[in-house]
Amino acid sequence: MPIWKDKTKNWNDDTIASSETKAGSFRLSIHRHIAYEPDVWLTSCAHIFSQSPLKSKGLQEAKFEAESKLLAILEEAVSDLRRGDY
Protein backbone atom coordinates (compact mmCIF):
# COMPACT_ATOMS: atom_id res chain seq x y z
CA MET A 1 0.00 0.00 0.00
CA PRO A 2 1.48 3.36 -1.00
CA ILE A 3 2.41 5.94 1.60
CA TRP A 4 0.56 9.20 1.02
CA LYS A 5 1.88 12.53 2.29
CA ASP A 6 -0.51 15.34 3.04
CA LYS A 7 0.87 18.39 1.26
CA THR A 8 -1.45 21.33 1.93
CA LYS A 9 -4.27 22.28 4.21
CA ASN A 10 -7.13 24.64 3.51
CA TRP A 11 -6.44 28.17 4.71
CA ASN A 12 -9.66 28.44 6.72
CA ASP A 13 -9.45 25.14 8.60
CA ASP A 14 -7.27 22.05 9.01
CA THR A 15 -8.80 19.87 6.29
CA ILE A 16 -6.45 18.34 3.74
CA ALA A 17 -6.51 20.00 0.32
CA SER A 18 -3.75 17.98 -1.37
CA SER A 19 -2.00 14.67 -0.86
CA GLU A 20 0.55 12.77 -2.93
CA THR A 21 2.40 9.50 -3.22
CA LYS A 22 5.11 8.07 -5.45
CA ALA A 23 4.83 4.89 -7.46
CA GLY A 24 8.22 4.25 -8.99
CA SER A 25 8.97 7.36 -11.02
CA PHE A 26 5.31 8.43 -11.04
CA ARG A 27 4.04 11.11 -8.66
CA LEU A 28 0.33 10.64 -8.06
CA SER A 29 -1.68 13.34 -6.34
CA ILE A 30 -5.21 14.08 -5.26
CA HIS A 31 -6.16 17.68 -4.79
CA ARG A 32 -8.94 20.24 -4.77
CA HIS A 33 -9.40 23.01 -7.33
CA ILE A 34 -11.24 26.29 -7.11
CA ALA A 35 -13.07 25.61 -10.41
CA TYR A 36 -14.82 22.58 -8.87
CA GLU A 37 -17.25 22.16 -5.99
CA PRO A 38 -15.52 22.06 -2.57
CA ASP A 39 -16.20 18.33 -2.08
CA VAL A 40 -14.72 17.23 -5.44
CA TRP A 41 -11.34 15.53 -5.45
CA LEU A 42 -9.21 15.60 -8.60
CA THR A 43 -6.26 13.40 -9.41
CA SER A 44 -3.14 14.16 -11.43
CA CYS A 45 -0.15 12.12 -12.52
CA ALA A 46 2.43 13.92 -14.67
CA HIS A 47 2.37 12.86 -18.34
CA ILE A 48 -0.60 10.52 -17.72
CA PHE A 49 -3.60 12.59 -16.60
CA SER A 50 -4.22 16.01 -15.12
CA GLN A 51 -7.03 17.27 -12.92
CA SER A 52 -9.22 14.26 -13.56
CA PRO A 53 -12.32 14.41 -11.29
CA LEU A 54 -12.90 11.51 -8.93
CA LYS A 55 -16.28 10.17 -7.79
CA SER A 56 -15.08 9.68 -4.20
CA LYS A 57 -15.88 12.39 -1.66
CA GLY A 58 -13.77 11.12 1.24
CA LEU A 59 -9.99 11.49 1.47
CA GLN A 60 -9.15 7.78 1.84
CA GLU A 61 -11.61 6.74 -0.84
CA ALA A 62 -10.17 9.35 -3.24
CA LYS A 63 -6.65 8.02 -2.63
CA PHE A 64 -7.77 4.48 -3.44
CA GLU A 65 -9.68 5.64 -6.54
CA ALA A 66 -6.64 7.58 -7.80
CA GLU A 67 -4.38 4.54 -7.27
CA SER A 68 -6.89 2.35 -9.13
CA LYS A 69 -7.09 4.82 -12.02
CA LEU A 70 -3.30 4.89 -12.46
CA LEU A 71 -3.04 1.11 -12.13
CA ALA A 72 -5.72 0.55 -14.80
CA ILE A 73 -3.96 2.89 -17.24
CA LEU A 74 -0.58 1.26 -16.65
CA GLU A 75 -2.02 -2.26 -16.96
CA GLU A 76 -3.65 -1.32 -20.27
CA ALA A 77 -0.37 0.15 -21.56
CA VAL A 78 1.56 -3.00 -20.62
CA SER A 79 -1.10 -5.16 -22.26
CA ASP A 80 -0.93 -3.05 -25.44
CA LEU A 81 2.87 -3.39 -25.51
CA ARG A 82 2.68 -7.16 -25.12
CA ARG A 83 0.17 -7.40 -27.99
CA GLY A 84 2.03 -4.86 -30.13
CA ASP A 85 -1.00 -2.51 -30.16
CA TYR A 86 0.77 0.82 -30.35
PDB file of N, CA and C in Angstrom:
ATOM      1  N   MET A   1       0.847  -1.175   0.000  1.00  0.00           N
ATOM      2  CA  MET A   1       0.000   0.000   0.000  1.00  0.00           C
ATOM      3  C   MET A   1       0.892   1.238   0.000  1.00  0.00           C
ATOM      4  N   PRO A   2       0.653   2.160  -0.912  1.00  0.00           N
ATOM      5  CA  PRO A   2       1.484   3.358  -0.997  1.00  0.00           C
ATOM      6  C   PRO A   2       1.370   4.242   0.253  1.00  0.00           C
ATOM      7  N   ILE A   3       2.417   4.972   0.500  1.00  0.00           N
ATOM      8  CA  ILE A   3       2.415   5.941   1.601  1.00  0.00           C
ATOM      9  C   ILE A   3       2.086   7.305   1.017  1.00  0.00           C
ATOM     10  N   TRP A   4       0.995   7.881   1.480  1.00  0.00           N
ATOM     11  CA  TRP A   4       0.555   9.200   1.021  1.00  0.00           C
ATOM     12  C   TRP A   4       1.043  10.254   1.999  1.00  0.00           C
ATOM     13  N   LYS A   5       1.460  11.394   1.465  1.00  0.00           N
ATOM     14  CA  LYS A   5       1.877  12.527   2.293  1.00  0.00           C
ATOM     15  C   LYS A   5       0.913  13.683   2.056  1.00  0.00           C
ATOM     16  N   ASP A   6       0.364  14.180   3.140  1.00  0.00           N
ATOM     17  CA  ASP A   6      -0.515  15.340   3.041  1.00  0.00           C
ATOM     18  C   ASP A   6       0.348  16.559   2.773  1.00  0.00           C
ATOM     19  N   LYS A   7       0.020  17.289   1.703  1.00  0.00           N
ATOM     20  CA  LYS A   7       0.870  18.394   1.259  1.00  0.00           C
ATOM     21  C   LYS A   7       0.360  19.770   1.668  1.00  0.00           C
ATOM     22  N   THR A   8      -0.919  20.003   1.589  1.00  0.00           N
ATOM     23  CA  THR A   8      -1.454  21.330   1.927  1.00  0.00           C
ATOM     24  C   THR A   8      -2.728  21.188   2.733  1.00  0.00           C
ATOM     25  N   LYS A   9      -3.021  22.215   3.463  1.00  0.00           N
ATOM     26  CA  LYS A   9      -4.275  22.278   4.212  1.00  0.00           C
ATOM     27  C   LYS A   9      -5.010  23.534   3.788  1.00  0.00           C
ATOM     28  N   ASN A  10      -6.338  23.466   3.843  1.00  0.00           N
ATOM     29  CA  ASN A  10      -7.131  24.642   3.506  1.00  0.00           C
ATOM     30  C   ASN A  10      -6.779  25.788   4.433  1.00  0.00           C
ATOM     31  N   TRP A  11      -6.820  26.992   3.924  1.00  0.00           N
ATOM     32  CA  TRP A  11      -6.436  28.168   4.712  1.00  0.00           C
ATOM     33  C   TRP A  11      -7.414  28.455   5.842  1.00  0.00           C
ATOM     34  N   ASN A  12      -8.670  28.075   5.700  1.00  0.00           N
ATOM     35  CA  ASN A  12      -9.664  28.437   6.716  1.00  0.00           C
ATOM     36  C   ASN A  12      -9.903  27.357   7.764  1.00  0.00           C
ATOM     37  N   ASP A  13      -9.342  26.183   7.581  1.00  0.00           N
ATOM     38  CA  ASP A  13      -9.451  25.135   8.598  1.00  0.00           C
ATOM     39  C   ASP A  13      -8.309  24.139   8.396  1.00  0.00           C
ATOM     40  N   ASP A  14      -8.363  23.022   9.076  1.00  0.00           N
ATOM     41  CA  ASP A  14      -7.269  22.048   9.014  1.00  0.00           C
ATOM     42  C   ASP A  14      -7.533  20.884   8.061  1.00  0.00           C
ATOM     43  N   THR A  15      -8.524  20.985   7.198  1.00  0.00           N
ATOM     44  CA  THR A  15      -8.800  19.873   6.294  1.00  0.00           C
ATOM     45  C   THR A  15      -7.735  19.792   5.196  1.00  0.00           C
ATOM     46  N   ILE A  16      -7.467  18.584   4.765  1.00  0.00           N
ATOM     47  CA  ILE A  16      -6.452  18.340   3.745  1.00  0.00           C
ATOM     48  C   ILE A  16      -6.974  18.805   2.386  1.00  0.00           C
ATOM     49  N   ALA A  17      -6.143  19.527   1.645  1.00  0.00           N
ATOM     50  CA  ALA A  17      -6.510  20.001   0.316  1.00  0.00           C
ATOM     51  C   ALA A  17      -5.691  19.314  -0.780  1.00  0.00           C
ATOM     52  N   SER A  18      -4.610  18.641  -0.393  1.00  0.00           N
ATOM     53  CA  SER A  18      -3.755  17.978  -1.374  1.00  0.00           C
ATOM     54  C   SER A  18      -2.945  16.882  -0.682  1.00  0.00           C
ATOM     55  N   SER A  19      -2.779  15.779  -1.383  1.00  0.00           N
ATOM     56  CA  SER A  19      -2.002  14.672  -0.857  1.00  0.00           C
ATOM     57  C   SER A  19      -1.330  13.992  -2.038  1.00  0.00           C
ATOM     58  N   GLU A  20      -0.133  13.435  -1.816  1.00  0.00           N
ATOM     59  CA  GLU A  20       0.547  12.775  -2.933  1.00  0.00           C
ATOM     60  C   GLU A  20       1.339  11.560  -2.469  1.00  0.00           C
ATOM     61  N   THR A  21       1.603  10.690  -3.444  1.00  0.00           N
ATOM     62  CA  THR A  21       2.402   9.503  -3.217  1.00  0.00           C
ATOM     63  C   THR A  21       3.260   9.270  -4.446  1.00  0.00           C
ATOM     64  N   LYS A  22       4.269   8.427  -4.303  1.00  0.00           N
ATOM     65  CA  LYS A  22       5.112   8.067  -5.450  1.00  0.00           C
ATOM     66  C   LYS A  22       4.929   6.584  -5.723  1.00  0.00           C
ATOM     67  N   ALA A  23       4.881   6.267  -7.005  1.00  0.00           N
ATOM     68  CA  ALA A  23       4.833   4.886  -7.456  1.00  0.00           C
ATOM     69  C   ALA A  23       5.932   4.754  -8.506  1.00  0.00           C
ATOM     70  N   GLY A  24       7.077   4.268  -8.102  1.00  0.00           N
ATOM     71  CA  GLY A  24       8.224   4.254  -8.994  1.00  0.00           C
ATOM     72  C   GLY A  24       8.595   5.685  -9.340  1.00  0.00           C
ATOM     73  N   SER A  25       8.638   5.993 -10.612  1.00  0.00           N
ATOM     74  CA  SER A  25       8.972   7.360 -11.023  1.00  0.00           C
ATOM     75  C   SER A  25       7.726   8.233 -11.199  1.00  0.00           C
ATOM     76  N   PHE A  26       6.559   7.683 -10.921  1.00  0.00           N
ATOM     77  CA  PHE A  26       5.313   8.433 -11.045  1.00  0.00           C
ATOM     78  C   PHE A  26       4.948   9.121  -9.736  1.00  0.00           C
ATOM     79  N   ARG A  27       4.540  10.380  -9.823  1.00  0.00           N
ATOM     80  CA  ARG A  27       4.038  11.112  -8.658  1.00  0.00           C
ATOM     81  C   ARG A  27       2.541  11.284  -8.849  1.00  0.00           C
ATOM     82  N   LEU A  28       1.783  10.634  -8.000  1.00  0.00           N
ATOM     83  CA  LEU A  28       0.328  10.638  -8.063  1.00  0.00           C
ATOM     84  C   LEU A  28      -0.206  11.554  -6.977  1.00  0.00           C
ATOM     85  N   SER A  29      -1.126  12.435  -7.347  1.00  0.00           N
ATOM     86  CA  SER A  29      -1.676  13.340  -6.343  1.00  0.00           C
ATOM     87  C   SER A  29      -3.190  13.386  -6.427  1.00  0.00           C
ATOM     88  N   ILE A  30      -3.796  13.709  -5.293  1.00  0.00           N
ATOM     89  CA  ILE A  30      -5.206  14.084  -5.255  1.00  0.00           C
ATOM     90  C   ILE A  30      -5.231  15.488  -4.691  1.00  0.00           C
ATOM     91  N   HIS A  31      -6.161  16.268  -5.177  1.00  0.00           N
ATOM     92  CA  HIS A  31      -6.164  17.676  -4.788  1.00  0.00           C
ATOM     93  C   HIS A  31      -7.522  18.291  -5.062  1.00  0.00           C
ATOM     94  N   ARG A  32      -7.733  19.444  -4.513  1.00  0.00           N
ATOM     95  CA  ARG A  32      -8.936  20.240  -4.766  1.00  0.00           C
ATOM     96  C   ARG A  32      -8.587  21.300  -5.808  1.00  0.00           C
ATOM     97  N   HIS A  33      -9.624  21.921  -6.383  1.00  0.00           N
ATOM     98  CA  HIS A  33      -9.400  23.008  -7.333  1.00  0.00           C
ATOM     99  C   HIS A  33     -10.563  23.979  -7.232  1.00  0.00           C
ATOM    100  N   ILE A  34     -10.247  25.243  -7.285  1.00  0.00           N
ATOM    101  CA  ILE A  34     -11.240  26.293  -7.110  1.00  0.00           C
ATOM    102  C   ILE A  34     -12.353  26.248  -8.165  1.00  0.00           C
ATOM    103  N   ALA A  35     -12.073  25.678  -9.331  1.00  0.00           N
ATOM    104  CA  ALA A  35     -13.067  25.614 -10.408  1.00  0.00           C
ATOM    105  C   ALA A  35     -14.105  24.512 -10.190  1.00  0.00           C
ATOM    106  N   TYR A  36     -13.911  23.690  -9.169  1.00  0.00           N
ATOM    107  CA  TYR A  36     -14.816  22.584  -8.867  1.00  0.00           C
ATOM    108  C   TYR A  36     -15.491  22.822  -7.522  1.00  0.00           C
ATOM    109  N   GLU A  37     -16.573  22.096  -7.286  1.00  0.00           N
ATOM    110  CA  GLU A  37     -17.252  22.157  -5.988  1.00  0.00           C
ATOM    111  C   GLU A  37     -16.266  21.767  -4.883  1.00  0.00           C
ATOM    112  N   PRO A  38     -16.474  22.305  -3.678  1.00  0.00           N
ATOM    113  CA  PRO A  38     -15.521  22.060  -2.575  1.00  0.00           C
ATOM    114  C   PRO A  38     -15.335  20.591  -2.187  1.00  0.00           C
ATOM    115  N   ASP A  39     -16.329  19.734  -2.479  1.00  0.00           N
ATOM    116  CA  ASP A  39     -16.201  18.328  -2.082  1.00  0.00           C
ATOM    117  C   ASP A  39     -15.683  17.428  -3.205  1.00  0.00           C
ATOM    118  N   VAL A  40     -15.224  18.013  -4.306  1.00  0.00           N
ATOM    119  CA  VAL A  40     -14.720  17.233  -5.439  1.00  0.00           C
ATOM    120  C   VAL A  40     -13.204  17.080  -5.334  1.00  0.00           C
ATOM    121  N   TRP A  41     -12.763  15.831  -5.378  1.00  0.00           N
ATOM    122  CA  TRP A  41     -11.338  15.528  -5.452  1.00  0.00           C
ATOM    123  C   TRP A  41     -10.967  15.347  -6.919  1.00  0.00           C
ATOM    124  N   LEU A  42      -9.780  15.801  -7.275  1.00  0.00           N
ATOM    125  CA  LEU A  42      -9.207  15.596  -8.597  1.00  0.00           C
ATOM    126  C   LEU A  42      -7.941  14.790  -8.428  1.00  0.00           C
ATOM    127  N   THR A  43      -7.528  14.121  -9.471  1.00  0.00           N
ATOM    128  CA  THR A  43      -6.262  13.399  -9.415  1.00  0.00           C
ATOM    129  C   THR A  43      -5.399  13.791 -10.602  1.00  0.00           C
ATOM    130  N   SER A  44      -4.110  13.837 -10.373  1.00  0.00           N
ATOM    131  CA  SER A  44      -3.144  14.156 -11.425  1.00  0.00           C
ATOM    132  C   SER A  44      -1.939  13.237 -11.293  1.00  0.00           C
ATOM    133  N   CYS A  45      -1.384  12.888 -12.456  1.00  0.00           N
ATOM    134  CA  CYS A  45      -0.149  12.122 -12.516  1.00  0.00           C
ATOM    135  C   CYS A  45       0.573  12.623 -13.760  1.00  0.00           C
ATOM    136  N   ALA A  46       1.701  13.265 -13.572  1.00  0.00           N
ATOM    137  CA  ALA A  46       2.427  13.917 -14.673  1.00  0.00           C
ATOM    138  C   ALA A  46       2.564  13.000 -15.884  1.00  0.00           C
ATOM    139  N   HIS A  47       2.265  13.534 -17.042  1.00  0.00           N
ATOM    140  CA  HIS A  47       2.370  12.861 -18.337  1.00  0.00           C
ATOM    141  C   HIS A  47       1.342  11.748 -18.549  1.00  0.00           C
ATOM    142  N   ILE A  48       0.411  11.578 -17.578  1.00  0.00           N
ATOM    143  CA  ILE A  48      -0.596  10.522 -17.718  1.00  0.00           C
ATOM    144  C   ILE A  48      -2.001  11.125 -17.708  1.00  0.00           C
ATOM    145  N   PHE A  49      -2.325  11.880 -16.666  1.00  0.00           N
ATOM    146  CA  PHE A  49      -3.600  12.587 -16.597  1.00  0.00           C
ATOM    147  C   PHE A  49      -3.446  13.786 -15.687  1.00  0.00           C
ATOM    148  N   SER A  50      -4.300  14.775 -15.898  1.00  0.00           N
ATOM    149  CA  SER A  50      -4.216  16.008 -15.121  1.00  0.00           C
ATOM    150  C   SER A  50      -5.605  16.463 -14.734  1.00  0.00           C
ATOM    151  N   GLN A  51      -5.781  16.743 -13.473  1.00  0.00           N
ATOM    152  CA  GLN A  51      -7.031  17.267 -12.922  1.00  0.00           C
ATOM    153  C   GLN A  51      -8.238  16.450 -13.356  1.00  0.00           C
ATOM    154  N   SER A  52      -8.135  15.165 -13.226  1.00  0.00           N
ATOM    155  CA  SER A  52      -9.219  14.257 -13.558  1.00  0.00           C
ATOM    156  C   SER A  52     -10.132  14.117 -12.336  1.00  0.00           C
ATOM    157  N   PRO A  53     -11.416  14.485 -12.447  1.00  0.00           N
ATOM    158  CA  PRO A  53     -12.320  14.411 -11.294  1.00  0.00           C
ATOM    159  C   PRO A  53     -12.531  12.971 -10.833  1.00  0.00           C
ATOM    160  N   LEU A  54     -12.624  12.807  -9.532  1.00  0.00           N
ATOM    161  CA  LEU A  54     -12.900  11.507  -8.934  1.00  0.00           C
ATOM    162  C   LEU A  54     -14.337  11.490  -8.417  1.00  0.00           C
ATOM    163  N   LYS A  55     -14.916  10.305  -8.323  1.00  0.00           N
ATOM    164  CA  LYS A  55     -16.277  10.170  -7.785  1.00  0.00           C
ATOM    165  C   LYS A  55     -16.273  10.203  -6.266  1.00  0.00           C
ATOM    166  N   SER A  56     -15.184   9.782  -5.653  1.00  0.00           N
ATOM    167  CA  SER A  56     -15.078   9.680  -4.198  1.00  0.00           C
ATOM    168  C   SER A  56     -15.109  11.049  -3.539  1.00  0.00           C
ATOM    169  N   LYS A  57     -15.807  11.144  -2.422  1.00  0.00           N
ATOM    170  CA  LYS A  57     -15.884  12.392  -1.663  1.00  0.00           C
ATOM    171  C   LYS A  57     -14.926  12.392  -0.475  1.00  0.00           C
ATOM    172  N   GLY A  58     -14.651  11.215   0.076  1.00  0.00           N
ATOM    173  CA  GLY A  58     -13.772  11.116   1.238  1.00  0.00           C
ATOM    174  C   GLY A  58     -12.304  11.031   0.839  1.00  0.00           C
ATOM    175  N   LEU A  59     -11.427  11.461   1.730  1.00  0.00           N
ATOM    176  CA  LEU A  59      -9.989  11.485   1.466  1.00  0.00           C
ATOM    177  C   LEU A  59      -9.433  10.090   1.168  1.00  0.00           C
ATOM    178  N   GLN A  60      -9.699   9.127   2.028  1.00  0.00           N
ATOM    179  CA  GLN A  60      -9.155   7.783   1.843  1.00  0.00           C
ATOM    180  C   GLN A  60      -9.713   7.114   0.590  1.00  0.00           C
ATOM    181  N   GLU A  61     -10.999   7.311   0.345  1.00  0.00           N
ATOM    182  CA  GLU A  61     -11.615   6.740  -0.843  1.00  0.00           C
ATOM    183  C   GLU A  61     -11.029   7.359  -2.117  1.00  0.00           C
ATOM    184  N   ALA A  62     -10.762   8.663  -2.090  1.00  0.00           N
ATOM    185  CA  ALA A  62     -10.174   9.354  -3.243  1.00  0.00           C
ATOM    186  C   ALA A  62      -8.763   8.837  -3.514  1.00  0.00           C
ATOM    187  N   LYS A  63      -7.999   8.579  -2.459  1.00  0.00           N
ATOM    188  CA  LYS A  63      -6.651   8.022  -2.632  1.00  0.00           C
ATOM    189  C   LYS A  63      -6.719   6.668  -3.326  1.00  0.00           C
ATOM    190  N   PHE A  64      -7.618   5.814  -2.854  1.00  0.00           N
ATOM    191  CA  PHE A  64      -7.768   4.484  -3.442  1.00  0.00           C
ATOM    192  C   PHE A  64      -8.231   4.577  -4.893  1.00  0.00           C
ATOM    193  N   GLU A  65      -9.187   5.469  -5.177  1.00  0.00           N
ATOM    194  CA  GLU A  65      -9.680   5.639  -6.541  1.00  0.00           C
ATOM    195  C   GLU A  65      -8.566   6.137  -7.475  1.00  0.00           C
ATOM    196  N   ALA A  66      -7.745   7.067  -6.999  1.00  0.00           N
ATOM    197  CA  ALA A  66      -6.636   7.583  -7.804  1.00  0.00           C
ATOM    198  C   ALA A  66      -5.622   6.476  -8.093  1.00  0.00           C
ATOM    199  N   GLU A  67      -5.299   5.666  -7.087  1.00  0.00           N
ATOM    200  CA  GLU A  67      -4.383   4.541  -7.274  1.00  0.00           C
ATOM    201  C   GLU A  67      -4.947   3.571  -8.306  1.00  0.00           C
ATOM    202  N   SER A  68      -6.229   3.283  -8.203  1.00  0.00           N
ATOM    203  CA  SER A  68      -6.887   2.346  -9.126  1.00  0.00           C
ATOM    204  C   SER A  68      -6.876   2.883 -10.553  1.00  0.00           C
ATOM    205  N   LYS A  69      -7.094   4.187 -10.701  1.00  0.00           N
ATOM    206  CA  LYS A  69      -7.087   4.816 -12.023  1.00  0.00           C
ATOM    207  C   LYS A  69      -5.713   4.682 -12.674  1.00  0.00           C
ATOM    208  N   LEU A  70      -4.662   5.003 -11.929  1.00  0.00           N
ATOM    209  CA  LEU A  70      -3.304   4.891 -12.456  1.00  0.00           C
ATOM    210  C   LEU A  70      -2.980   3.437 -12.787  1.00  0.00           C
ATOM    211  N   LEU A  71      -3.327   2.528 -11.908  1.00  0.00           N
ATOM    212  CA  LEU A  71      -3.043   1.113 -12.134  1.00  0.00           C
ATOM    213  C   LEU A  71      -3.738   0.610 -13.399  1.00  0.00           C
ATOM    214  N   ALA A  72      -4.987   0.984 -13.611  1.00  0.00           N
ATOM    215  CA  ALA A  72      -5.723   0.551 -14.801  1.00  0.00           C
ATOM    216  C   ALA A  72      -5.058   1.072 -16.076  1.00  0.00           C
ATOM    217  N   ILE A  73      -4.626   2.316 -16.067  1.00  0.00           N
ATOM    218  CA  ILE A  73      -3.964   2.894 -17.242  1.00  0.00           C
ATOM    219  C   ILE A  73      -2.647   2.181 -17.520  1.00  0.00           C
ATOM    220  N   LEU A  74      -1.867   1.935 -16.472  1.00  0.00           N
ATOM    221  CA  LEU A  74      -0.578   1.261 -16.655  1.00  0.00           C
ATOM    222  C   LEU A  74      -0.760  -0.183 -17.115  1.00  0.00           C
ATOM    223  N   GLU A  75      -1.756  -0.879 -16.548  1.00  0.00           N
ATOM    224  CA  GLU A  75      -2.017  -2.261 -16.960  1.00  0.00           C
ATOM    225  C   GLU A  75      -2.428  -2.320 -18.429  1.00  0.00           C
ATOM    226  N   GLU A  76      -3.239  -1.366 -18.869  1.00  0.00           N
ATOM    227  CA  GLU A  76      -3.649  -1.316 -20.270  1.00  0.00           C
ATOM    228  C   GLU A  76      -2.452  -1.052 -21.182  1.00  0.00           C
ATOM    229  N   ALA A  77      -1.561  -0.155 -20.762  1.00  0.00           N
ATOM    230  CA  ALA A  77      -0.372   0.146 -21.562  1.00  0.00           C
ATOM    231  C   ALA A  77       0.533  -1.075 -21.683  1.00  0.00           C
ATOM    232  N   VAL A  78       0.727  -1.787 -20.590  1.00  0.00           N
ATOM    233  CA  VAL A  78       1.561  -2.998 -20.618  1.00  0.00           C
ATOM    234  C   VAL A  78       0.918  -4.044 -21.522  1.00  0.00           C
ATOM    235  N   SER A  79      -0.380  -4.206 -21.416  1.00  0.00           N
ATOM    236  CA  SER A  79      -1.096  -5.159 -22.256  1.00  0.00           C
ATOM    237  C   SER A  79      -0.951  -4.804 -23.737  1.00  0.00           C
ATOM    238  N   ASP A  80      -1.091  -3.511 -24.054  1.00  0.00           N
ATOM    239  CA  ASP A  80      -0.926  -3.054 -25.436  1.00  0.00           C
ATOM    240  C   ASP A  80       0.483  -3.355 -25.949  1.00  0.00           C
ATOM    241  N   LEU A  81       1.485  -3.111 -25.108  1.00  0.00           N
ATOM    242  CA  LEU A  81       2.872  -3.388 -25.511  1.00  0.00           C
ATOM    243  C   LEU A  81       3.081  -4.876 -25.780  1.00  0.00           C
ATOM    244  N   ARG A  82       2.519  -5.702 -24.946  1.00  0.00           N
ATOM    245  CA  ARG A  82       2.681  -7.157 -25.120  1.00  0.00           C
ATOM    246  C   ARG A  82       2.011  -7.653 -26.391  1.00  0.00           C
ATOM    247  N   ARG A  83       0.878  -7.026 -26.770  1.00  0.00           N
ATOM    248  CA  ARG A  83       0.166  -7.396 -27.987  1.00  0.00           C
ATOM    249  C   ARG A  83       0.744  -6.693 -29.212  1.00  0.00           C
ATOM    250  N   GLY A  84       1.529  -5.649 -29.006  1.00  0.00           N
ATOM    251  CA  GLY A  84       2.031  -4.865 -30.126  1.00  0.00           C
ATOM    252  C   GLY A  84       1.032  -3.832 -30.621  1.00  0.00           C
ATOM    253  N   ASP A  85       0.037  -3.485 -29.789  1.00  0.00           N
ATOM    254  CA  ASP A  85      -1.004  -2.506 -30.158  1.00  0.00           C
ATOM    255  C   ASP A  85      -0.554  -1.094 -29.818  1.00  0.00           C
ATOM    256  N   TYR A  86       0.334  -0.550 -30.592  1.00  0.00           N
ATOM    257  CA  TYR A  86       0.772   0.825 -30.353  1.00  0.00           C
ATOM    258  C   TYR A  86       1.087   1.496 -31.644  1.00  0.00           C
TER     259      TYR A  86
END
